Amino acid sequence: MRFNYQEIKSAILEEWEELIESAYPEDRLTEMAEGFVPIYYGEIIKDWSEMPHEYNDNWKEQYGGIIPEEVGITALMTSDLYEYYRDTTTDIYHQIKKEKDN
């Protein structure tokens, strides 16, 4: 993966003050997740192939299980990667918050 657990955690810690002061930290986490998703085909394919398999085909929820004609396979992979990074970023944020609250 382009960004591993530790790299994502470091990115969140760098933004920590902004996150905890925000009324909607989920919005910033979403932006961070979008930033983790690669934009080049080779990187999309590589990241997608290394992503946990439970995120494969998450695009079906977005597109209702039907692939629109204008959507290519890398767009579907990108959708899956976004879901993975969004979930991972949110999970790590909550772990850090729990650690800091204790």
N, C-alpha and C. Protein backbone atom coordinates (compact mmCIF):
# COMPACT_ATOMS: atom_id res chain seq x y z
N MET A 1 0.84 -1.18 0.00
CA MET A 1 0.00 0.00 0.00
C MET A 1 0.89 1.25 0.00
N ARG A 2 0.39 2.26 -0.64
CA ARG A 2 1.08 3.53 -0.70
C ARG A 2 1.22 4.15 0.68
N PHE A 3 0.18 4.02 1.48
CA PHE A 3 0.20 4.54 2.84
C PHE A 3 -0.16 3.42 3.79
N ASN A 4 0.75 3.14 4.71
CA ASN A 4 0.48 2.08 5.68
C ASN A 4 -0.11 2.68 6.97
N TYR A 5 -0.41 1.83 7.90
CA TYR A 5 -1.03 2.24 9.16
C TYR A 5 -0.24 3.35 9.84
N GLN A 6 1.05 3.16 9.96
CA GLN A 6 1.89 4.13 10.68
C GLN A 6 1.92 5.48 9.97
N GLU A 7 1.96 5.47 8.65
CA GLU A 7 1.97 6.73 7.89
C GLU A 7 0.63 7.47 8.04
N ILE A 8 -0.45 6.74 8.03
CA ILE A 8 -1.76 7.35 8.23
C ILE A 8 -1.87 7.91 9.65
N LYS A 9 -1.41 7.14 10.62
CA LYS A 9 -1.44 7.60 12.01
C LYS A 9 -0.60 8.87 12.17
N SER A 10 0.57 8.92 11.55
CA SER A 10 1.41 10.11 11.63
C SER A 10 0.72 11.32 11.02
N ALA A 11 0.06 11.12 9.89
CA ALA A 11 -0.66 12.22 9.23
C ALA A 11 -1.78 12.74 10.13
N ILE A 12 -2.48 11.85 10.79
CA ILE A 12 -3.55 12.26 11.69
C ILE A 12 -2.98 13.02 12.88
N LEU A 13 -1.88 12.53 13.44
CA LEU A 13 -1.27 13.22 14.58
C LEU A 13 -0.78 14.61 14.20
N GLU A 14 -0.32 14.77 12.97
CA GLU A 14 0.11 16.10 12.49
C GLU A 14 -1.07 17.07 12.45
N GLU A 15 -2.25 16.56 12.19
CA GLU A 15 -3.46 17.38 12.08
C GLU A 15 -4.30 17.35 13.36
N TRP A 16 -3.76 16.76 14.43
CA TRP A 16 -4.55 16.46 15.61
C TRP A 16 -5.27 17.68 16.19
N GLU A 17 -4.54 18.77 16.39
CA GLU A 17 -5.16 19.96 16.99
C GLU A 17 -6.33 20.46 16.15
N GLU A 18 -6.14 20.49 14.84
CA GLU A 18 -7.22 20.91 13.95
C GLU A 18 -8.41 19.96 14.03
N LEU A 19 -8.13 18.67 14.12
CA LEU A 19 -9.20 17.67 14.19
C LEU A 19 -10.02 17.81 15.46
N ILE A 20 -9.36 17.93 16.60
CA ILE A 20 -10.12 17.96 17.86
C ILE A 20 -10.83 19.29 18.07
N GLU A 21 -10.34 20.34 17.43
CA GLU A 21 -11.00 21.64 17.56
C GLU A 21 -12.15 21.80 16.56
N SER A 22 -12.22 20.92 15.59
CA SER A 22 -13.25 21.00 14.56
C SER A 22 -14.59 20.50 15.08
N ALA A 23 -15.65 21.18 14.65
CA ALA A 23 -16.99 20.70 14.98
C ALA A 23 -17.32 19.43 14.21
N TYR A 24 -16.67 19.25 13.04
CA TYR A 24 -16.91 18.09 12.18
C TYR A 24 -15.59 17.46 11.76
N PRO A 25 -14.92 16.75 12.67
CA PRO A 25 -13.64 16.13 12.29
C PRO A 25 -13.78 15.10 11.17
N GLU A 26 -14.98 14.54 11.03
CA GLU A 26 -15.21 13.55 9.98
C GLU A 26 -14.97 14.15 8.59
N ASP A 27 -15.28 15.43 8.43
CA ASP A 27 -15.06 16.09 7.14
C ASP A 27 -13.57 16.15 6.82
N ARG A 28 -12.77 16.49 7.81
CA ARG A 28 -11.32 16.55 7.58
C ARG A 28 -10.77 15.15 7.35
N LEU A 29 -11.26 14.15 8.06
CA LEU A 29 -10.82 12.77 7.86
C LEU A 29 -11.15 12.30 6.45
N THR A 30 -12.31 12.71 5.95
CA THR A 30 -12.71 12.37 4.58
C THR A 30 -11.73 12.99 3.58
N GLU A 31 -11.37 14.25 3.81
CA GLU A 31 -10.40 14.91 2.93
C GLU A 31 -9.05 14.19 2.97
N MET A 32 -8.64 13.78 4.16
CA MET A 32 -7.38 13.06 4.28
C MET A 32 -7.44 11.74 3.52
N ALA A 33 -8.54 11.02 3.67
CA ALA A 33 -8.71 9.74 2.97
C ALA A 33 -8.64 9.95 1.47
N GLU A 34 -9.29 10.99 0.97
CA GLU A 34 -9.24 11.28 -0.47
C GLU A 34 -7.80 11.53 -0.91
N GLY A 35 -7.03 12.18 -0.06
CA GLY A 35 -5.63 12.46 -0.39
C GLY A 35 -4.75 11.22 -0.42
N PHE A 36 -5.14 10.19 0.29
CA PHE A 36 -4.36 8.95 0.30
C PHE A 36 -4.58 8.11 -0.95
N VAL A 37 -5.70 8.29 -1.61
CA VAL A 37 -6.03 7.49 -2.79
C VAL A 37 -5.14 7.93 -3.96
N PRO A 38 -4.45 6.98 -4.57
CA PRO A 38 -3.58 7.33 -5.71
C PRO A 38 -4.38 7.79 -6.92
N ILE A 39 -3.69 8.52 -7.80
CA ILE A 39 -4.36 9.03 -9.00
C ILE A 39 -3.83 8.40 -10.28
N TYR A 40 -2.66 7.78 -10.23
CA TYR A 40 -2.08 7.17 -11.42
C TYR A 40 -2.49 5.71 -11.52
N TYR A 41 -2.78 5.28 -12.75
CA TYR A 41 -3.30 3.92 -12.96
C TYR A 41 -2.45 2.84 -12.30
N GLY A 42 -1.15 2.89 -12.49
CA GLY A 42 -0.28 1.86 -11.93
C GLY A 42 -0.36 1.80 -10.42
N GLU A 43 -0.40 2.96 -9.79
CA GLU A 43 -0.49 3.02 -8.33
C GLU A 43 -1.88 2.57 -7.85
N ILE A 44 -2.91 2.92 -8.60
CA ILE A 44 -4.27 2.48 -8.24
C ILE A 44 -4.33 0.96 -8.25
N ILE A 45 -3.84 0.36 -9.31
CA ILE A 45 -3.87 -1.10 -9.44
C ILE A 45 -3.04 -1.76 -8.35
N LYS A 46 -1.85 -1.22 -8.08
CA LYS A 46 -0.97 -1.79 -7.04
C LYS A 46 -1.64 -1.69 -5.67
N ASP A 47 -2.12 -0.50 -5.31
CA ASP A 47 -2.76 -0.32 -4.01
C ASP A 47 -4.00 -1.21 -3.88
N TRP A 48 -4.80 -1.26 -4.93
CA TRP A 48 -6.02 -2.05 -4.88
C TRP A 48 -5.70 -3.53 -4.66
N SER A 49 -4.65 -4.00 -5.31
CA SER A 49 -4.29 -5.42 -5.17
C SER A 49 -3.73 -5.74 -3.78
N GLU A 50 -3.23 -4.73 -3.07
CA GLU A 50 -2.69 -4.92 -1.73
C GLU A 50 -3.70 -4.61 -0.63
N MET A 51 -4.82 -4.04 -1.01
CA MET A 51 -5.86 -3.65 -0.07
C MET A 51 -6.52 -4.90 0.52
N PRO A 52 -6.99 -4.83 1.78
CA PRO A 52 -7.71 -5.98 2.34
C PRO A 52 -8.91 -6.35 1.45
N HIS A 53 -9.11 -7.63 1.25
CA HIS A 53 -10.11 -8.13 0.31
C HIS A 53 -11.55 -7.77 0.68
N GLU A 54 -11.80 -7.47 1.95
CA GLU A 54 -13.18 -7.12 2.31
C GLU A 54 -13.63 -5.80 1.67
N TYR A 55 -12.70 -5.05 1.12
CA TYR A 55 -13.07 -3.80 0.45
C TYR A 55 -13.25 -3.98 -1.06
N ASN A 56 -12.88 -5.13 -1.58
CA ASN A 56 -13.09 -5.38 -3.01
C ASN A 56 -14.57 -5.29 -3.33
N ASP A 57 -14.85 -4.63 -4.40
CA ASP A 57 -16.22 -4.49 -4.92
C ASP A 57 -17.15 -3.67 -4.04
N ASN A 58 -16.60 -2.80 -3.19
CA ASN A 58 -17.44 -1.87 -2.43
C ASN A 58 -18.11 -0.86 -3.36
N TRP A 59 -17.58 -0.73 -4.56
CA TRP A 59 -18.15 0.19 -5.55
C TRP A 59 -19.60 -0.18 -5.86
N LYS A 60 -19.97 -1.43 -5.63
CA LYS A 60 -21.32 -1.88 -5.95
C LYS A 60 -22.37 -1.08 -5.19
N GLU A 61 -22.04 -0.67 -3.96
CA GLU A 61 -22.97 0.14 -3.19
C GLU A 61 -23.16 1.51 -3.84
N GLN A 62 -22.07 2.08 -4.32
CA GLN A 62 -22.13 3.40 -4.93
C GLN A 62 -22.90 3.40 -6.25
N TYR A 63 -22.67 2.36 -7.04
CA TYR A 63 -23.28 2.29 -8.37
C TYR A 63 -24.48 1.35 -8.44
N GLY A 64 -24.93 0.85 -7.31
CA GLY A 64 -26.08 -0.03 -7.30
C GLY A 64 -25.83 -1.37 -7.98
N GLY A 65 -24.57 -1.78 -8.02
CA GLY A 65 -24.21 -3.07 -8.61
C GLY A 65 -24.13 -3.07 -10.12
N ILE A 66 -24.44 -1.95 -10.74
CA ILE A 66 -24.41 -1.85 -12.21
C ILE A 66 -23.33 -0.85 -12.60
N ILE A 67 -22.42 -1.28 -13.45
CA ILE A 67 -21.33 -0.41 -13.88
C ILE A 67 -21.82 0.48 -15.02
N PRO A 68 -21.83 1.80 -14.79
CA PRO A 68 -22.20 2.70 -15.89
C PRO A 68 -21.19 2.59 -17.03
N GLU A 69 -21.64 2.77 -18.24
CA GLU A 69 -20.78 2.62 -19.41
C GLU A 69 -19.54 3.50 -19.35
N GLU A 70 -19.68 4.71 -18.84
CA GLU A 70 -18.58 5.65 -18.84
C GLU A 70 -17.57 5.43 -17.72
N VAL A 71 -17.82 4.48 -16.84
CA VAL A 71 -16.94 4.22 -15.70
C VAL A 71 -16.01 3.06 -16.02
N GLY A 72 -14.71 3.31 -15.89
CA GLY A 72 -13.72 2.27 -16.14
C GLY A 72 -13.37 1.51 -14.87
N ILE A 73 -12.61 0.45 -15.05
CA ILE A 73 -12.24 -0.41 -13.93
C ILE A 73 -11.40 0.32 -12.90
N THR A 74 -10.53 1.23 -13.35
CA THR A 74 -9.71 1.95 -12.36
C THR A 74 -10.56 2.90 -11.52
N ALA A 75 -11.66 3.41 -12.08
CA ALA A 75 -12.57 4.24 -11.28
C ALA A 75 -13.23 3.40 -10.19
N LEU A 76 -13.55 2.17 -10.51
CA LEU A 76 -14.15 1.28 -9.52
C LEU A 76 -13.12 0.93 -8.44
N MET A 77 -11.89 0.70 -8.87
CA MET A 77 -10.82 0.42 -7.91
C MET A 77 -10.59 1.63 -7.00
N THR A 78 -10.63 2.81 -7.58
CA THR A 78 -10.46 4.04 -6.82
C THR A 78 -11.55 4.18 -5.77
N SER A 79 -12.77 3.84 -6.13
CA SER A 79 -13.89 3.87 -5.20
C SER A 79 -13.64 2.93 -4.02
N ASP A 80 -13.18 1.72 -4.32
CA ASP A 80 -12.85 0.75 -3.27
C ASP A 80 -11.74 1.28 -2.37
N LEU A 81 -10.71 1.86 -2.98
CA LEU A 81 -9.59 2.40 -2.21
C LEU A 81 -10.03 3.54 -1.31
N TYR A 82 -10.90 4.39 -1.81
CA TYR A 82 -11.41 5.48 -0.99
C TYR A 82 -12.12 4.94 0.24
N GLU A 83 -12.96 3.94 0.07
CA GLU A 83 -13.67 3.33 1.20
C GLU A 83 -12.68 2.77 2.21
N TYR A 84 -11.65 2.09 1.71
CA TYR A 84 -10.63 1.52 2.59
C TYR A 84 -9.93 2.62 3.38
N TYR A 85 -9.43 3.64 2.68
CA TYR A 85 -8.71 4.70 3.36
C TYR A 85 -9.62 5.51 4.29
N ARG A 86 -10.87 5.72 3.92
CA ARG A 86 -11.79 6.44 4.79
C ARG A 86 -12.03 5.66 6.08
N ASP A 87 -12.29 4.36 5.95
CA ASP A 87 -12.50 3.53 7.14
C ASP A 87 -11.24 3.47 8.00
N THR A 88 -10.09 3.29 7.38
CA THR A 88 -8.83 3.19 8.11
C THR A 88 -8.51 4.49 8.83
N THR A 89 -8.67 5.61 8.13
CA THR A 89 -8.40 6.91 8.72
C THR A 89 -9.33 7.16 9.91
N THR A 90 -10.60 6.85 9.75
CA THR A 90 -11.56 7.04 10.83
C THR A 90 -11.25 6.13 12.02
N ASP A 91 -10.92 4.87 11.75
CA ASP A 91 -10.57 3.93 12.83
C ASP A 91 -9.35 4.40 13.61
N ILE A 92 -8.33 4.82 12.89
CA ILE A 92 -7.10 5.29 13.56
C ILE A 92 -7.40 6.54 14.39
N TYR A 93 -8.19 7.45 13.84
CA TYR A 93 -8.56 8.66 14.58
C TYR A 93 -9.22 8.28 15.91
N HIS A 94 -10.17 7.36 15.87
CA HIS A 94 -10.88 6.96 17.08
C HIS A 94 -9.96 6.25 18.07
N GLN A 95 -8.99 5.47 17.56
CA GLN A 95 -8.02 4.83 18.44
C GLN A 95 -7.17 5.87 19.14
N ILE A 96 -6.68 6.84 18.40
CA ILE A 96 -5.84 7.90 18.99
C ILE A 96 -6.66 8.69 20.01
N LYS A 97 -7.89 9.03 19.66
CA LYS A 97 -8.75 9.80 20.56
C LYS A 97 -8.97 9.05 21.86
N LYS A 98 -9.21 7.76 21.76
CA LYS A 98 -9.41 6.93 22.96
C LYS A 98 -8.15 6.90 23.81
N GLU A 99 -6.98 6.75 23.17
CA GLU A 99 -5.70 6.75 23.90
C GLU A 99 -5.49 8.08 24.62
N LYS A 100 -5.77 9.18 23.94
CA LYS A 100 -5.54 10.50 24.52
C LYS A 100 -6.56 10.82 25.60
N ASP A 101 -7.76 10.27 25.50
CA ASP A 101 -8.78 10.51 26.53
C ASP A 101 -8.46 9.77 27.82
N ASN A 102 -7.70 8.70 27.73
CA ASN A 102 -7.35 7.91 28.93
C ASN A 102 -6.23 8.52 29.70
